[in-house]
Amino acid sequence: MSYRTTASGAMTRLMSEMKALRKEKWIHFEDDESANFNILKWRFGLMVINPDSAFNGGYFRAEMVFSDEYPYQPPKFRFLIPITHPNVYPDGQLCISILHTPGEDLMSGEQASERWSPLQGAESVLRSVLLLLDDPEINSPANVDASVLYRDRREDYNKTARETVERSKKDVPPGFEMPVSFEEKPPPKAENDDDFWAESDEEFDFGGSDTGDDDEMEDYEDGEEPSEDDDDNDSNKNSKQ
């Protein structure tokens, strides 16, 4: 079955996706309020805030281009800064399954579940890119030299990554403050209000009976157990009703 969407349909979805992404700390959109802004062509900075990452602290400018057939066809992604990475081509494009057209590819061995589908979106792509930066796929590299460097000389690879991070900081927009962590502040601790019951004039029914059980409870509180005579009296009352 062939799917098609209109340009307006793609734009409507992309506006919604961008609105959600603008709330995230790890992405900063550029020129999204300028007169020349094009919703089908995003330019942004991707930020790596992960102390365990070789690219920690980086601000990597990138662009993503969408067609009128989005989301039935995947977007195109490329970095706008040179990055030495096993899965990044010299022109900044990526070798990553999620950007490949929908359906299984027998030649590459990629399953349909690994490739693009209309159920995914821009955020799925961007999160996959960030994960790929930290966990390269060296068995099918776009940059063979970087793949060998990562595999055999990890310290040199990490040094190159840190140099890339330092270069990337020159692209941080003036006045923009890089996040240092994605941790949210814990919610305020709930305080017990001891005066709640004293101030409330309402009577609450917690499901207990208004008769019979109250007397038994008083017996328990006095250290006495209800007698069998009480049980017989209750049975006689029920039989007469």
C-alpha atoms as a PDB file:
ATOM      1  CA  MET A   1       0.000   0.000   0.000  1.00  0.00           C
ATOM      2  CA  SER A   2       1.268   3.459  -0.883  1.00  0.00           C
ATOM      3  CA  TYR A   3       0.857   6.278   1.626  1.00  0.00           C
ATOM      4  CA  ARG A   4       0.897   9.950   0.817  1.00  0.00           C
ATOM      5  CA  THR A   5       0.429  13.041   2.891  1.00  0.00           C
ATOM      6  CA  THR A   6       0.031  16.687   2.012  1.00  0.00           C
ATOM      7  CA  ALA A   7       2.570  19.387   2.734  1.00  0.00           C
ATOM      8  CA  SER A   8       0.117  20.955   5.163  1.00  0.00           C
ATOM      9  CA  GLY A   9      -0.295  17.622   6.949  1.00  0.00           C
ATOM     10  CA  ALA A  10       3.459  17.241   7.327  1.00  0.00           C
ATOM     11  CA  MET A  11       3.780  20.822   8.559  1.00  0.00           C
ATOM     12  CA  THR A  12       1.029  20.395  11.126  1.00  0.00           C
ATOM     13  CA  ARG A  13       2.692  17.329  12.589  1.00  0.00           C
ATOM     14  CA  LEU A  14       6.135  18.932  12.555  1.00  0.00           C
ATOM     15  CA  MET A  15       4.878  22.024  14.352  1.00  0.00           C
ATOM     16  CA  SER A  16       3.474  19.777  17.069  1.00  0.00           C
ATOM     17  CA  GLU A  17       6.705  17.795  17.329  1.00  0.00           C
ATOM     18  CA  MET A  18       8.836  20.926  17.478  1.00  0.00           C
ATOM     19  CA  LYS A  19       6.641  22.407  20.196  1.00  0.00           C
ATOM     20  CA  ALA A  20       7.230  19.318  22.339  1.00  0.00           C
ATOM     21  CA  LEU A  21      10.964  19.249  21.634  1.00  0.00           C
ATOM     22  CA  ARG A  22      11.435  22.879  22.581  1.00  0.00           C
ATOM     23  CA  LYS A  23      10.682  21.862  26.160  1.00  0.00           C
ATOM     24  CA  GLU A  24      13.687  19.530  26.218  1.00  0.00           C
ATOM     25  CA  LYS A  25      17.033  20.653  27.622  1.00  0.00           C
ATOM     26  CA  TRP A  26      19.200  18.672  25.202  1.00  0.00           C
ATOM     27  CA  ILE A  27      18.159  20.523  22.039  1.00  0.00           C
ATOM     28  CA  HIS A  28      18.197  24.207  21.100  1.00  0.00           C
ATOM     29  CA  PHE A  29      16.464  25.354  17.915  1.00  0.00           C
ATOM     30  CA  GLU A  30      18.027  28.094  15.831  1.00  0.00           C
ATOM     31  CA  ASP A  31      16.138  30.691  13.783  1.00  0.00           C
ATOM     32  CA  ASP A  32      12.775  29.142  14.622  1.00  0.00           C
ATOM     33  CA  GLU A  33      11.234  32.589  15.024  1.00  0.00           C
ATOM     34  CA  SER A  34      12.892  34.322  12.073  1.00  0.00           C
ATOM     35  CA  ALA A  35      11.067  35.425   8.929  1.00  0.00           C
ATOM     36  CA  ASN A  36      12.966  32.824   6.878  1.00  0.00           C
ATOM     37  CA  PHE A  37      12.073  29.926   9.152  1.00  0.00           C
ATOM     38  CA  ASN A  38      11.095  26.750   7.288  1.00  0.00           C
ATOM     39  CA  ILE A  39       9.315  24.053   9.283  1.00  0.00           C
ATOM     40  CA  LEU A  40      10.570  21.442   6.797  1.00  0.00           C
ATOM     41  CA  LYS A  41      14.199  22.311   7.549  1.00  0.00           C
ATOM     42  CA  TRP A  42      15.295  22.358  11.168  1.00  0.00           C
ATOM     43  CA  ARG A  43      18.601  23.732  12.398  1.00  0.00           C
ATOM     44  CA  PHE A  44      19.500  23.150  16.003  1.00  0.00           C
ATOM     45  CA  GLY A  45      22.172  22.295  18.516  1.00  0.00           C
ATOM     46  CA  LEU A  46      22.254  18.841  20.081  1.00  0.00           C
ATOM     47  CA  MET A  47      23.784  18.788  23.549  1.00  0.00           C
ATOM     48  CA  VAL A  48      25.492  15.836  25.184  1.00  0.00           C
ATOM     49  CA  ILE A  49      25.174  16.032  28.965  1.00  0.00           C
ATOM     50  CA  ASN A  50      26.534  12.715  30.140  1.00  0.00           C
ATOM     51  CA  PRO A  51      29.621  12.517  32.381  1.00  0.00           C
ATOM     52  CA  ASP A  52      30.363   9.028  31.043  1.00  0.00           C
ATOM     53  CA  SER A  53      30.380  10.158  27.403  1.00  0.00           C
ATOM     54  CA  ALA A  54      33.497  11.061  25.441  1.00  0.00           C
ATOM     55  CA  PHE A  55      31.397  13.856  23.923  1.00  0.00           C
ATOM     56  CA  ASN A  56      30.147  15.222  27.243  1.00  0.00           C
ATOM     57  CA  GLY A  57      29.557  18.977  27.159  1.00  0.00           C
ATOM     58  CA  GLY A  58      29.364  19.178  23.385  1.00  0.00           C
ATOM     59  CA  TYR A  59      27.041  21.502  21.463  1.00  0.00           C
ATOM     60  CA  PHE A  60      26.730  19.910  18.039  1.00  0.00           C
ATOM     61  CA  ARG A  61      25.007  21.941  15.348  1.00  0.00           C
ATOM     62  CA  ALA A  62      22.937  19.828  13.024  1.00  0.00           C
ATOM     63  CA  GLU A  63      20.069  20.007  10.589  1.00  0.00           C
ATOM     64  CA  MET A  64      17.170  17.765   9.748  1.00  0.00           C
ATOM     65  CA  VAL A  65      15.251  18.061   6.482  1.00  0.00           C
ATOM     66  CA  PHE A  66      11.736  16.684   6.012  1.00  0.00           C
ATOM     67  CA  SER A  67       9.821  15.977   2.828  1.00  0.00           C
ATOM     68  CA  ASP A  68       6.140  16.550   2.084  1.00  0.00           C
ATOM     69  CA  GLU A  69       5.694  12.794   2.603  1.00  0.00           C
ATOM     70  CA  TYR A  70       6.676  12.932   6.263  1.00  0.00           C
ATOM     71  CA  PRO A  71       6.014  10.886   8.392  1.00  0.00           C
ATOM     72  CA  TYR A  72       5.724   8.132   5.787  1.00  0.00           C
ATOM     73  CA  GLN A  73       9.278   8.842   4.671  1.00  0.00           C
ATOM     74  CA  PRO A  74      12.149   9.476   7.092  1.00  0.00           C
ATOM     75  CA  PRO A  75      13.869  12.825   7.494  1.00  0.00           C
ATOM     76  CA  LYS A  76      17.466  13.456   6.483  1.00  0.00           C
ATOM     77  CA  PHE A  77      19.950  14.285   9.211  1.00  0.00           C
ATOM     78  CA  ARG A  78      23.485  15.648   9.164  1.00  0.00           C
ATOM     79  CA  PHE A  79      25.893  17.303  11.554  1.00  0.00           C
ATOM     80  CA  LEU A  80      27.144  20.762  10.617  1.00  0.00           C
ATOM     81  CA  ILE A  81      30.421  20.268  12.484  1.00  0.00           C
ATOM     82  CA  PRO A  82      33.123  17.698  11.615  1.00  0.00           C
ATOM     83  CA  ILE A  83      32.922  14.760  14.018  1.00  0.00           C
ATOM     84  CA  THR A  84      35.334  11.838  14.128  1.00  0.00           C
ATOM     85  CA  HIS A  85      32.965   8.970  14.780  1.00  0.00           C
ATOM     86  CA  PRO A  86      32.588   5.462  13.286  1.00  0.00           C
ATOM     87  CA  ASN A  87      29.041   6.162  12.052  1.00  0.00           C
ATOM     88  CA  VAL A  88      29.416   9.742  10.796  1.00  0.00           C
ATOM     89  CA  TYR A  89      30.329  10.344   7.142  1.00  0.00           C
ATOM     90  CA  PRO A  90      32.731  13.163   6.195  1.00  0.00           C
ATOM     91  CA  ASP A  91      29.759  15.288   5.056  1.00  0.00           C
ATOM     92  CA  GLY A  92      28.089  14.914   8.472  1.00  0.00           C
ATOM     93  CA  GLN A  93      25.433  12.394   7.466  1.00  0.00           C
ATOM     94  CA  LEU A  94      24.880   9.337   9.619  1.00  0.00           C
ATOM     95  CA  CYS A  95      24.852   5.622   9.036  1.00  0.00           C
ATOM     96  CA  ILE A  96      21.927   4.704  11.270  1.00  0.00           C
ATOM     97  CA  SER A  97      19.025   2.349  10.621  1.00  0.00           C
ATOM     98  CA  ILE A  98      16.243   4.637  11.836  1.00  0.00           C
ATOM     99  CA  LEU A  99      16.930   7.016   8.924  1.00  0.00           C
ATOM    100  CA  HIS A 100      16.504   4.281   6.323  1.00  0.00           C
ATOM    101  CA  THR A 101      13.267   3.966   4.359  1.00  0.00           C
ATOM    102  CA  PRO A 102      10.549   1.712   5.830  1.00  0.00           C
ATOM    103  CA  GLY A 103      10.572  -2.015   5.254  1.00  0.00           C
ATOM    104  CA  GLU A 104      12.991  -4.898   5.572  1.00  0.00           C
ATOM    105  CA  ASP A 105      16.249  -4.766   3.605  1.00  0.00           C
ATOM    106  CA  LEU A 106      17.523  -8.213   2.645  1.00  0.00           C
ATOM    107  CA  MET A 107      20.809  -6.846   1.324  1.00  0.00           C
ATOM    108  CA  SER A 108      21.828  -5.136   4.557  1.00  0.00           C
ATOM    109  CA  GLY A 109      20.060  -7.582   6.850  1.00  0.00           C
ATOM    110  CA  GLU A 110      18.170  -4.780   8.597  1.00  0.00           C
ATOM    111  CA  GLN A 111      14.802  -5.756  10.004  1.00  0.00           C
ATOM    112  CA  ALA A 112      11.783  -3.546   9.387  1.00  0.00           C
ATOM    113  CA  SER A 113      11.586  -2.880  13.122  1.00  0.00           C
ATOM    114  CA  GLU A 114      15.059  -1.294  13.014  1.00  0.00           C
ATOM    115  CA  ARG A 115      14.222   1.117  10.215  1.00  0.00           C
ATOM    116  CA  TRP A 116      11.978   4.135   9.941  1.00  0.00           C
ATOM    117  CA  SER A 117       8.226   3.824  10.391  1.00  0.00           C
ATOM    118  CA  PRO A 118       5.447   6.452  10.494  1.00  0.00           C
ATOM    119  CA  LEU A 119       4.949   5.626  14.164  1.00  0.00           C
ATOM    120  CA  GLN A 120       8.276   7.241  14.923  1.00  0.00           C
ATOM    121  CA  GLY A 121       9.094  10.926  14.860  1.00  0.00           C
ATOM    122  CA  ALA A 122      11.810  13.541  15.002  1.00  0.00           C
ATOM    123  CA  GLU A 123      12.424  12.952  18.697  1.00  0.00           C
ATOM    124  CA  SER A 124      13.018   9.244  18.069  1.00  0.00           C
ATOM    125  CA  VAL A 125      15.675  10.127  15.500  1.00  0.00           C
ATOM    126  CA  LEU A 126      17.413  12.680  17.702  1.00  0.00           C
ATOM    127  CA  ARG A 127      17.509  10.412  20.734  1.00  0.00           C
ATOM    128  CA  SER A 128      18.907   7.620  18.544  1.00  0.00           C
ATOM    129  CA  VAL A 129      21.614   9.990  17.300  1.00  0.00           C
ATOM    130  CA  LEU A 130      22.629  10.885  20.851  1.00  0.00           C
ATOM    131  CA  LEU A 131      22.766   7.206  21.795  1.00  0.00           C
ATOM    132  CA  LEU A 132      24.847   6.436  18.707  1.00  0.00           C
ATOM    133  CA  LEU A 133      27.424   9.050  19.679  1.00  0.00           C
ATOM    134  CA  ASP A 134      28.118   7.121  22.882  1.00  0.00           C
ATOM    135  CA  ASP A 135      27.680   3.612  21.506  1.00  0.00           C
ATOM    136  CA  PRO A 136      29.023   3.373  17.929  1.00  0.00           C
ATOM    137  CA  GLU A 137      28.235   0.502  15.584  1.00  0.00           C
ATOM    138  CA  ILE A 138      31.730  -0.428  14.412  1.00  0.00           C
ATOM    139  CA  ASN A 139      30.712  -3.462  12.337  1.00  0.00           C
ATOM    140  CA  SER A 140      29.232  -1.293   9.574  1.00  0.00           C
ATOM    141  CA  PRO A 141      31.163   1.971   9.837  1.00  0.00           C
ATOM    142  CA  ALA A 142      30.771   5.111   7.777  1.00  0.00           C
ATOM    143  CA  ASN A 143      34.270   6.163   8.838  1.00  0.00           C
ATOM    144  CA  VAL A 144      36.626   3.178   8.849  1.00  0.00           C
ATOM    145  CA  ASP A 145      39.534   5.082  10.378  1.00  0.00           C
ATOM    146  CA  ALA A 146      37.378   6.277  13.268  1.00  0.00           C
ATOM    147  CA  SER A 147      36.100   2.738  13.753  1.00  0.00           C
ATOM    148  CA  VAL A 148      39.647   1.354  14.020  1.00  0.00           C
ATOM    149  CA  LEU A 149      40.613   4.191  16.360  1.00  0.00           C
ATOM    150  CA  TYR A 150      37.624   3.452  18.602  1.00  0.00           C
ATOM    151  CA  ARG A 151      38.334  -0.275  18.638  1.00  0.00           C
ATOM    152  CA  ASP A 152      42.114  -0.315  19.035  1.00  0.00           C
ATOM    153  CA  ARG A 153      43.120   3.014  20.566  1.00  0.00           C
ATOM    154  CA  ARG A 154      40.271   4.124  22.761  1.00  0.00           C
ATOM    155  CA  GLU A 155      42.283   6.756  24.623  1.00  0.00           C
ATOM    156  CA  ASP A 156      43.213   8.475  21.359  1.00  0.00           C
ATOM    157  CA  TYR A 157      39.596   8.269  20.224  1.00  0.00           C
ATOM    158  CA  ASN A 158      38.394   9.875  23.455  1.00  0.00           C
ATOM    159  CA  LYS A 159      41.019  12.606  23.102  1.00  0.00           C
ATOM    160  CA  THR A 160      39.772  13.369  19.591  1.00  0.00           C
ATOM    161  CA  ALA A 161      36.206  13.464  20.887  1.00  0.00           C
ATOM    162  CA  ARG A 162      37.151  15.953  23.603  1.00  0.00           C
ATOM    163  CA  GLU A 163      38.838  18.157  21.011  1.00  0.00           C
ATOM    164  CA  THR A 164      35.614  18.074  18.997  1.00  0.00           C
ATOM    165  CA  VAL A 165      33.676  19.093  22.098  1.00  0.00           C
ATOM    166  CA  GLU A 166      35.933  22.105  22.637  1.00  0.00           C
ATOM    167  CA  ARG A 167      35.485  23.205  19.017  1.00  0.00           C
ATOM    168  CA  SER A 168      31.735  22.782  19.271  1.00  0.00           C
ATOM    169  CA  LYS A 169      31.496  25.235  22.168  1.00  0.00           C
ATOM    170  CA  LYS A 170      32.304  28.059  19.745  1.00  0.00           C
ATOM    171  CA  ASP A 171      28.875  27.445  18.182  1.00  0.00           C
ATOM    172  CA  VAL A 172      26.929  28.018  21.391  1.00  0.00           C
ATOM    173  CA  PRO A 173      24.638  31.012  20.683  1.00  0.00           C
ATOM    174  CA  PRO A 174      25.408  34.215  22.597  1.00  0.00           C
ATOM    175  CA  GLY A 175      23.446  34.373  25.813  1.00  0.00           C
ATOM    176  CA  PHE A 176      22.536  30.679  25.711  1.00  0.00           C
ATOM    177  CA  GLU A 177      23.373  28.812  28.908  1.00  0.00           C
ATOM    178  CA  MET A 178      24.419  25.202  28.460  1.00  0.00           C
ATOM    179  CA  PRO A 179      22.681  22.806  30.856  1.00  0.00           C
ATOM    180  CA  VAL A 180      24.961  20.954  33.230  1.00  0.00           C
ATOM    181  CA  SER A 181      22.484  18.234  34.127  1.00  0.00           C
ATOM    182  CA  PHE A 182      19.058  16.940  33.184  1.00  0.00           C
ATOM    183  CA  GLU A 183      18.053  16.099  36.741  1.00  0.00           C
ATOM    184  CA  GLU A 184      14.762  17.517  37.889  1.00  0.00           C
ATOM    185  CA  LYS A 185      14.337  18.987  41.351  1.00  0.00           C
ATOM    186  CA  PRO A 186      12.506  16.560  43.646  1.00  0.00           C
ATOM    187  CA  PRO A 187       8.893  17.482  44.403  1.00  0.00           C
ATOM    188  CA  PRO A 188       8.345  19.270  47.718  1.00  0.00           C
ATOM    189  CA  LYS A 189       7.826  16.929  50.640  1.00  0.00           C
ATOM    190  CA  ALA A 190       4.214  16.680  51.719  1.00  0.00           C
ATOM    191  CA  GLU A 191       3.619  18.137  55.149  1.00  0.00           C
ATOM    192  CA  ASN A 192       1.234  16.517  57.619  1.00  0.00           C
ATOM    193  CA  ASP A 193      -1.471  18.905  58.764  1.00  0.00           C
ATOM    194  CA  ASP A 194      -2.253  17.899  62.345  1.00  0.00           C
ATOM    195  CA  ASP A 195      -5.015  20.490  62.548  1.00  0.00           C
ATOM    196  CA  PHE A 196      -6.948  19.038  59.615  1.00  0.00           C
ATOM    197  CA  TRP A 197      -9.261  16.867  61.685  1.00  0.00           C
ATOM    198  CA  ALA A 198      -9.721  19.547  64.352  1.00  0.00           C
ATOM    199  CA  GLU A 199     -10.632  22.230  61.816  1.00  0.00           C
ATOM    200  CA  SER A 200     -12.973  20.093  59.740  1.00  0.00           C
ATOM    201  CA  ASP A 201     -16.680  20.294  60.567  1.00  0.00           C
ATOM    202  CA  GLU A 202     -17.538  17.466  58.189  1.00  0.00           C
ATOM    203  CA  GLU A 203     -18.451  13.992  59.360  1.00  0.00           C
ATOM    204  CA  PHE A 204     -16.892  11.190  57.352  1.00  0.00           C
ATOM    205  CA  ASP A 205     -18.387   7.739  56.886  1.00  0.00           C
ATOM    206  CA  PHE A 206     -15.606   5.170  56.619  1.00  0.00           C
ATOM    207  CA  GLY A 207     -17.948   2.300  55.850  1.00  0.00           C
ATOM    208  CA  GLY A 208     -18.573   1.115  59.411  1.00  0.00           C
ATOM    209  CA  SER A 209     -21.995   0.221  60.826  1.00  0.00           C
ATOM    210  CA  ASP A 210     -23.758   2.685  63.127  1.00  0.00           C
ATOM    211  CA  THR A 211     -25.090  -0.092  65.425  1.00  0.00           C
ATOM    212  CA  GLY A 212     -23.843  -3.282  66.948  1.00  0.00           C
ATOM    213  CA  ASP A 213     -20.197  -3.044  65.899  1.00  0.00           C
ATOM    214  CA  ASP A 214     -19.614   0.045  68.054  1.00  0.00           C
ATOM    215  CA  ASP A 215     -20.622  -1.884  71.177  1.00  0.00           C
ATOM    216  CA  GLU A 216     -18.301  -4.743  70.268  1.00  0.00           C
ATOM    217  CA  MET A 217     -15.451  -2.328  69.664  1.00  0.00           C
ATOM    218  CA  GLU A 218     -15.974  -0.860  73.145  1.00  0.00           C
ATOM    219  CA  ASP A 219     -15.765  -4.381  74.584  1.00  0.00           C
ATOM    220  CA  TYR A 220     -12.436  -4.936  72.827  1.00  0.00           C
ATOM    221  CA  GLU A 221     -11.103  -1.628  74.043  1.00  0.00           C
ATOM    222  CA  ASP A 222     -12.039  -2.614  77.634  1.00  0.00           C
ATOM    223  CA  GLY A 223     -10.177  -5.896  77.245  1.00  0.00           C
ATOM    224  CA  GLU A 224     -13.365  -8.001  77.005  1.00  0.00           C
ATOM    225  CA  GLU A 225     -14.440 -10.290  74.196  1.00  0.00           C
ATOM    226  CA  PRO A 226     -18.054 -10.284  73.014  1.00  0.00           C
ATOM    227  CA  SER A 227     -20.041 -13.070  74.699  1.00  0.00           C
ATOM    228  CA  GLU A 228     -21.876 -15.866  72.945  1.00  0.00           C
ATOM    229  CA  ASP A 229     -25.120 -14.463  74.399  1.00  0.00           C
ATOM    230  CA  ASP A 230     -24.555 -11.296  72.439  1.00  0.00           C
ATOM    231  CA  ASP A 231     -24.130 -13.345  69.261  1.00  0.00           C
ATOM    232  CA  ASP A 232     -27.355 -15.281  70.034  1.00  0.00           C
ATOM    233  CA  ASN A 233     -29.254 -12.057  70.626  1.00  0.00           C
ATOM    234  CA  ASP A 234     -28.054 -10.713  67.298  1.00  0.00           C
ATOM    235  CA  SER A 235     -29.159 -13.928  65.567  1.00  0.00           C
ATOM    236  CA  ASN A 236     -32.632 -13.743  67.172  1.00  0.00           C
ATOM    237  CA  LYS A 237     -32.994 -10.134  66.090  1.00  0.00           C
ATOM    238  CA  ASN A 238     -32.144 -11.049  62.522  1.00  0.00           C
ATOM    239  CA  SER A 239     -34.600 -13.964  62.463  1.00  0.00           C
ATOM    240  CA  LYS A 240     -37.469 -11.752  63.641  1.00  0.00           C
ATOM    241  CA  GLN A 241     -36.899  -9.219  60.920  1.00  0.00           C
END
